[in-house]
Amino acid sequence: MSWRLLFFTLLVLAGAATVGGLSAGEWLVEHAPKQANLPNVSKDDPPPPVDEKGLPIMRQPAQPLMSGLMGIPTNEVKVDWAIKADNITSAKTASVETTVPTTTSTVTVSNSVNQSIKTRPIGQARQETTTATTQNWEGAFRQELAQCRQLGFFERASCVGRVREQYCGPNKAWGRVNDCPARR
């Protein structure tokens, strides 16, 4: 058998498959069912309700209710979105009474070559006030650690870690206090 005959045979079979596939597809489209075969639905059932655009109206899905059950809420919450006039006037008076904080930085821009820009230096730190509660944090820290060490084996590690994060981080005591190990 020659290669030409094999190639011609394959070409004829491919053409026949294409023609057969197209005709089978047209037959399937002509004989398609008019309605889906759904359970509990017959031809005598009324058509589903549609909106003004002709689209079927979908039912609201079940959702979690405040009682913990799943279902459709029976009453909708009515919200009064109207803004009362006395709220507007009180908001205006509150905005007038608000003072704008003053800063130490000034920027002066002019059309001339000399421009003066005065800002706060980057290295200047904010002034922090120390109170009595921030000074004796170590006593409260050690007291909570003692309470954690009285817990069971599995709860102890998470409690100690939580207390260390609560006290060592904000007070910048990592590596400086005995119970706050240095972080890597």
Protein backbone atom coordinates (compact mmCIF):
# COMPACT_ATOMS: atom_id res chain seq x y z
CA MET A 1 0.00 0.00 0.00
CA SER A 2 1.40 3.37 -0.91
CA TRP A 3 1.62 6.46 1.26
CA ARG A 4 -0.54 8.37 -1.16
CA LEU A 5 -3.41 5.92 -0.75
CA LEU A 6 -3.15 6.02 3.07
CA PHE A 7 -3.08 9.83 3.10
CA PHE A 8 -6.09 10.03 0.74
CA THR A 9 -8.04 7.51 2.86
CA LEU A 10 -7.39 9.52 6.05
CA LEU A 11 -8.45 12.72 4.30
CA VAL A 12 -11.73 11.16 3.11
CA LEU A 13 -12.46 9.74 6.59
CA ALA A 14 -11.81 13.16 8.18
CA GLY A 15 -14.21 14.81 5.74
CA ALA A 16 -16.87 12.17 6.38
CA ALA A 17 -16.48 12.63 10.16
CA THR A 18 -16.87 16.39 9.78
CA VAL A 19 -20.03 16.09 7.66
CA GLY A 20 -21.47 13.46 10.02
CA GLY A 21 -20.72 15.62 13.08
CA LEU A 22 -22.37 18.69 11.56
CA SER A 23 -25.50 16.78 10.58
CA ALA A 24 -25.71 15.07 14.01
CA GLY A 25 -25.39 18.48 15.72
CA GLU A 26 -28.20 19.96 13.61
CA TRP A 27 -30.42 16.96 14.41
CA LEU A 28 -29.73 17.36 18.15
CA VAL A 29 -30.62 21.05 18.04
CA GLU A 30 -33.91 20.29 16.25
CA HIS A 31 -34.88 17.56 18.71
CA ALA A 32 -33.80 19.30 21.94
CA PRO A 33 -36.34 19.22 24.79
CA LYS A 34 -38.44 22.35 25.17
CA GLN A 35 -38.29 22.34 28.98
CA ALA A 36 -35.72 20.99 31.40
CA ASN A 37 -36.57 17.69 33.03
CA LEU A 38 -36.82 18.93 36.62
CA PRO A 39 -38.35 16.85 39.42
CA ASN A 40 -41.78 17.97 40.73
CA VAL A 41 -42.34 20.13 37.63
CA SER A 42 -44.97 19.30 35.06
CA LYS A 43 -46.37 21.00 31.96
CA ASP A 44 -49.48 22.03 33.92
CA ASP A 45 -47.51 24.19 36.40
CA PRO A 46 -47.82 27.95 35.93
CA PRO A 47 -44.81 29.76 34.49
CA PRO A 48 -42.44 31.34 37.01
CA PRO A 49 -43.13 34.99 37.92
CA VAL A 50 -41.10 37.51 35.93
CA ASP A 51 -40.21 41.16 36.45
CA GLU A 52 -40.83 44.05 34.05
CA LYS A 53 -37.77 43.07 31.99
CA GLY A 54 -38.99 39.49 31.53
CA LEU A 55 -36.37 37.95 33.83
CA PRO A 56 -37.54 35.35 36.37
CA ILE A 57 -37.84 36.65 39.93
CA MET A 58 -35.54 34.70 42.21
CA ARG A 59 -36.49 33.88 45.77
CA GLN A 60 -34.42 35.31 48.60
CA PRO A 61 -31.92 32.70 49.83
CA ALA A 62 -31.85 31.53 53.43
CA GLN A 63 -29.45 33.44 55.67
CA PRO A 64 -28.31 33.28 59.29
CA LEU A 65 -30.88 34.82 61.61
CA MET A 66 -30.27 36.49 64.97
CA SER A 67 -31.67 33.39 66.68
CA GLY A 68 -28.88 31.29 65.16
CA LEU A 69 -31.15 29.46 62.72
CA MET A 70 -31.11 29.65 58.94
CA GLY A 71 -34.08 31.21 57.19
CA ILE A 72 -35.58 34.28 55.59
CA PRO A 73 -36.09 37.26 57.92
CA THR A 74 -39.77 38.05 58.41
CA ASN A 75 -39.47 41.78 59.01
CA GLU A 76 -37.05 44.20 57.47
CA VAL A 77 -35.37 46.80 59.61
CA LYS A 78 -36.61 50.26 58.74
CA VAL A 79 -33.88 52.87 58.91
CA ASP A 80 -34.71 56.56 58.93
CA TRP A 81 -32.04 58.00 56.63
CA ALA A 82 -33.37 61.55 56.79
CA ILE A 83 -30.98 64.10 58.30
CA LYS A 84 -32.59 66.33 60.89
CA ALA A 85 -32.01 70.09 60.77
CA ASP A 86 -30.79 70.30 64.38
CA ASN A 87 -28.06 67.72 63.61
CA ILE A 88 -26.80 69.88 60.75
CA THR A 89 -26.65 73.03 62.89
CA SER A 90 -24.90 71.20 65.74
CA ALA A 91 -22.33 69.82 63.28
CA LYS A 92 -21.68 73.30 61.89
CA THR A 93 -21.19 74.77 65.36
CA ALA A 94 -18.88 71.93 66.33
CA SER A 95 -16.74 72.50 63.25
CA VAL A 96 -16.50 76.23 64.00
CA GLU A 97 -15.36 75.53 67.57
CA THR A 98 -12.60 73.16 66.43
CA THR A 99 -9.15 74.69 66.66
CA VAL A 100 -6.40 73.97 64.18
CA PRO A 101 -3.21 72.67 65.85
CA THR A 102 -0.14 74.78 65.31
CA THR A 103 3.12 73.27 64.11
CA THR A 104 6.70 74.40 64.25
CA SER A 105 7.29 74.02 60.53
CA THR A 106 6.80 76.89 58.11
CA VAL A 107 7.21 76.89 54.37
CA THR A 108 7.61 80.14 52.49
CA VAL A 109 7.61 80.04 48.71
CA SER A 110 8.31 83.06 46.59
CA ASN A 111 9.05 83.69 42.98
CA SER A 112 12.58 84.81 43.75
CA VAL A 113 15.62 82.59 43.86
CA ASN A 114 15.84 82.76 47.68
CA GLN A 115 13.40 80.31 49.27
CA SER A 116 13.21 79.82 53.00
CA ILE A 117 12.03 76.44 54.26
CA LYS A 118 12.08 75.82 58.00
CA THR A 119 11.08 72.36 59.24
CA ARG A 120 11.60 70.25 62.33
CA PRO A 121 14.80 68.17 62.13
CA ILE A 122 14.35 64.48 61.40
CA GLY A 123 16.27 63.32 64.48
CA GLN A 124 14.20 65.41 66.87
CA ALA A 125 12.20 63.04 69.05
CA ARG A 126 8.78 63.69 70.46
CA GLN A 127 8.59 64.61 74.10
CA GLU A 128 7.11 61.70 75.98
CA THR A 129 5.56 62.10 79.38
CA THR A 130 6.33 59.44 81.95
CA THR A 131 3.67 58.63 84.47
CA ALA A 132 3.63 56.51 87.57
CA THR A 133 2.01 53.64 85.68
CA THR A 134 4.78 53.47 83.09
CA GLN A 135 7.48 53.57 85.76
CA ASN A 136 6.27 50.56 87.75
CA TRP A 137 5.37 48.33 84.86
CA GLU A 138 7.97 45.82 85.96
CA GLY A 139 6.02 45.00 89.15
CA ALA A 140 2.83 44.31 87.21
CA PHE A 141 4.86 42.38 84.61
CA ARG A 142 6.42 40.09 87.22
CA GLN A 143 3.05 39.61 88.95
CA GLU A 144 1.38 38.49 85.71
CA LEU A 145 4.32 36.20 84.91
CA ALA A 146 3.92 34.58 88.34
CA GLN A 147 0.24 33.98 87.58
CA CYS A 148 1.16 32.45 84.22
CA ARG A 149 3.68 30.10 85.83
CA GLN A 150 0.91 28.68 88.03
CA LEU A 151 -1.06 27.55 84.98
CA GLY A 152 -0.91 24.08 83.46
CA PHE A 153 1.81 22.86 81.13
CA PHE A 154 0.03 23.65 77.86
CA GLU A 155 -1.40 27.07 78.82
CA ARG A 156 1.80 28.38 80.43
CA ALA A 157 3.82 29.03 77.25
CA SER A 158 1.11 31.01 75.48
CA CYS A 159 0.35 33.04 78.62
CA VAL A 160 4.03 33.93 79.17
CA GLY A 161 4.40 34.91 75.51
CA ARG A 162 1.30 37.12 75.66
CA VAL A 163 2.49 38.86 78.85
CA ARG A 164 5.96 39.44 77.38
CA GLU A 165 4.46 40.98 74.24
CA GLN A 166 2.18 43.14 76.39
CA TYR A 167 4.93 44.57 78.61
CA CYS A 168 8.34 44.13 76.94
CA GLY A 169 7.38 45.53 73.54
CA PRO A 170 5.81 48.87 74.51
CA ASN A 171 8.44 49.52 77.21
CA LYS A 172 11.35 48.60 74.88
CA ALA A 173 12.71 46.17 77.42
CA TRP A 174 13.76 43.31 75.13
CA GLY A 175 17.19 42.19 76.35
CA ARG A 176 17.26 44.78 79.18
CA VAL A 177 15.05 43.04 81.75
CA ASN A 178 15.67 39.51 83.02
CA ASP A 179 12.31 38.08 81.91
CA CYS A 180 12.40 39.84 78.51
CA PRO A 181 14.95 37.89 76.45
CA ALA A 182 16.75 39.68 73.62
CA ARG A 183 15.13 39.30 70.23
CA ARG A 184 17.21 38.18 67.27
